[in-house]
Amino acid sequence: MGTVKTEGDVMTGDHLLVTAADGKATRTYHILVQPMALAGRLRLQQDSVTAGTKRDLTLYYTAGQRSPDASVRIYLPRV
């Protein structure tokens, strides 16, 4: 499958593997990063999130230099 990434920035080609609480069902999401703001940074507040649970997901985005009007679009597939 590959190496587990525990640090560093999310990059195109990375995969997000989500496993159900029962450990049986899994789904893989392929990451495609489209940099549009100079040195922008996107990060998740939580270290991990359990699949199948209801919980708020908090993302932080910091716009880079010379990007005062930056916007972020995050597309999640329908389940």
Protein backbone atom coordinates (compact mmCIF):
# COMPACT_ATOMS: atom_id res chain seq x y z
CA MET A 1 0.00 0.00 0.00
CA GLY A 2 2.77 2.46 0.85
CA THR A 3 4.31 4.31 3.74
CA VAL A 4 2.20 5.93 6.44
CA LYS A 5 2.73 9.69 6.45
CA THR A 6 2.95 11.06 9.98
CA GLU A 7 4.33 14.52 9.28
CA GLY A 8 4.88 17.03 6.53
CA ASP A 9 2.55 18.73 4.10
CA VAL A 10 -0.24 16.99 2.21
CA MET A 11 0.91 16.52 -1.39
CA THR A 12 -0.58 15.44 -4.70
CA GLY A 13 -0.36 11.66 -4.88
CA ASP A 14 -0.95 11.15 -1.15
CA HIS A 15 -3.86 8.91 -0.18
CA LEU A 16 -6.31 9.23 2.70
CA LEU A 17 -7.37 5.80 3.97
CA VAL A 18 -10.58 5.79 6.04
CA THR A 19 -11.46 2.63 7.98
CA ALA A 20 -14.86 1.96 9.56
CA ALA A 21 -15.11 1.44 13.30
CA ASP A 22 -15.54 -2.31 12.78
CA GLY A 23 -12.19 -2.38 10.93
CA LYS A 24 -13.71 -4.15 7.92
CA ALA A 25 -14.86 -1.45 5.53
CA THR A 26 -12.26 0.89 4.10
CA ARG A 27 -12.27 3.62 1.51
CA THR A 28 -9.30 5.34 -0.10
CA TYR A 29 -9.34 8.95 -1.26
CA HIS A 30 -6.67 10.22 -3.65
CA ILE A 31 -5.28 13.68 -2.89
CA LEU A 32 -4.80 16.31 -5.57
CA VAL A 33 -3.35 19.58 -4.33
CA GLN A 34 -3.93 22.63 -6.48
CA PRO A 35 -1.74 25.40 -5.07
CA MET A 36 -3.26 28.77 -5.80
CA ALA A 37 -2.07 30.95 -2.96
CA LEU A 38 1.61 31.55 -2.39
CA ALA A 39 2.66 29.45 0.62
CA GLY A 40 -0.92 28.80 1.77
CA ARG A 41 -1.35 26.12 4.44
CA LEU A 42 -4.29 23.80 5.14
CA ARG A 43 -4.41 21.68 8.28
CA LEU A 44 -6.86 19.59 10.28
CA GLN A 45 -7.44 20.46 13.94
CA GLN A 46 -7.85 16.86 15.12
CA ASP A 47 -5.06 14.27 14.91
CA SER A 48 -7.59 11.62 13.89
CA VAL A 49 -11.30 11.22 13.20
CA THR A 50 -13.27 8.01 13.65
CA ALA A 51 -15.29 6.97 10.60
CA GLY A 52 -19.04 6.58 11.12
CA THR A 53 -19.24 9.00 14.04
CA LYS A 54 -20.95 12.36 14.03
CA ARG A 55 -18.40 15.04 14.76
CA ASP A 56 -17.51 18.48 13.54
CA LEU A 57 -14.48 18.63 11.29
CA THR A 58 -12.36 21.74 11.76
CA LEU A 59 -9.93 22.81 9.06
CA TYR A 60 -7.58 25.77 9.31
CA TYR A 61 -6.34 27.60 6.25
CA THR A 62 -3.71 30.31 6.32
CA ALA A 63 -3.31 32.37 3.16
CA GLY A 64 0.21 33.02 2.02
CA GLN A 65 2.03 36.21 1.19
CA ARG A 66 0.32 38.54 -1.25
CA SER A 67 -2.93 36.55 -1.02
CA PRO A 68 -5.28 38.79 0.96
CA ASP A 69 -8.40 37.65 -0.93
CA ALA A 70 -7.69 33.92 -0.90
CA SER A 71 -10.58 31.45 -0.82
CA VAL A 72 -10.61 27.70 -0.29
CA ARG A 73 -12.89 25.15 -1.95
CA ILE A 74 -13.01 21.64 -0.52
CA TYR A 75 -14.90 19.00 -2.46
CA LEU A 76 -16.02 15.84 -0.64
CA PRO A 77 -17.51 12.94 -2.60
CA ARG A 78 -21.04 11.80 -1.80
CA VAL A 79 -21.15 8.66 0.28
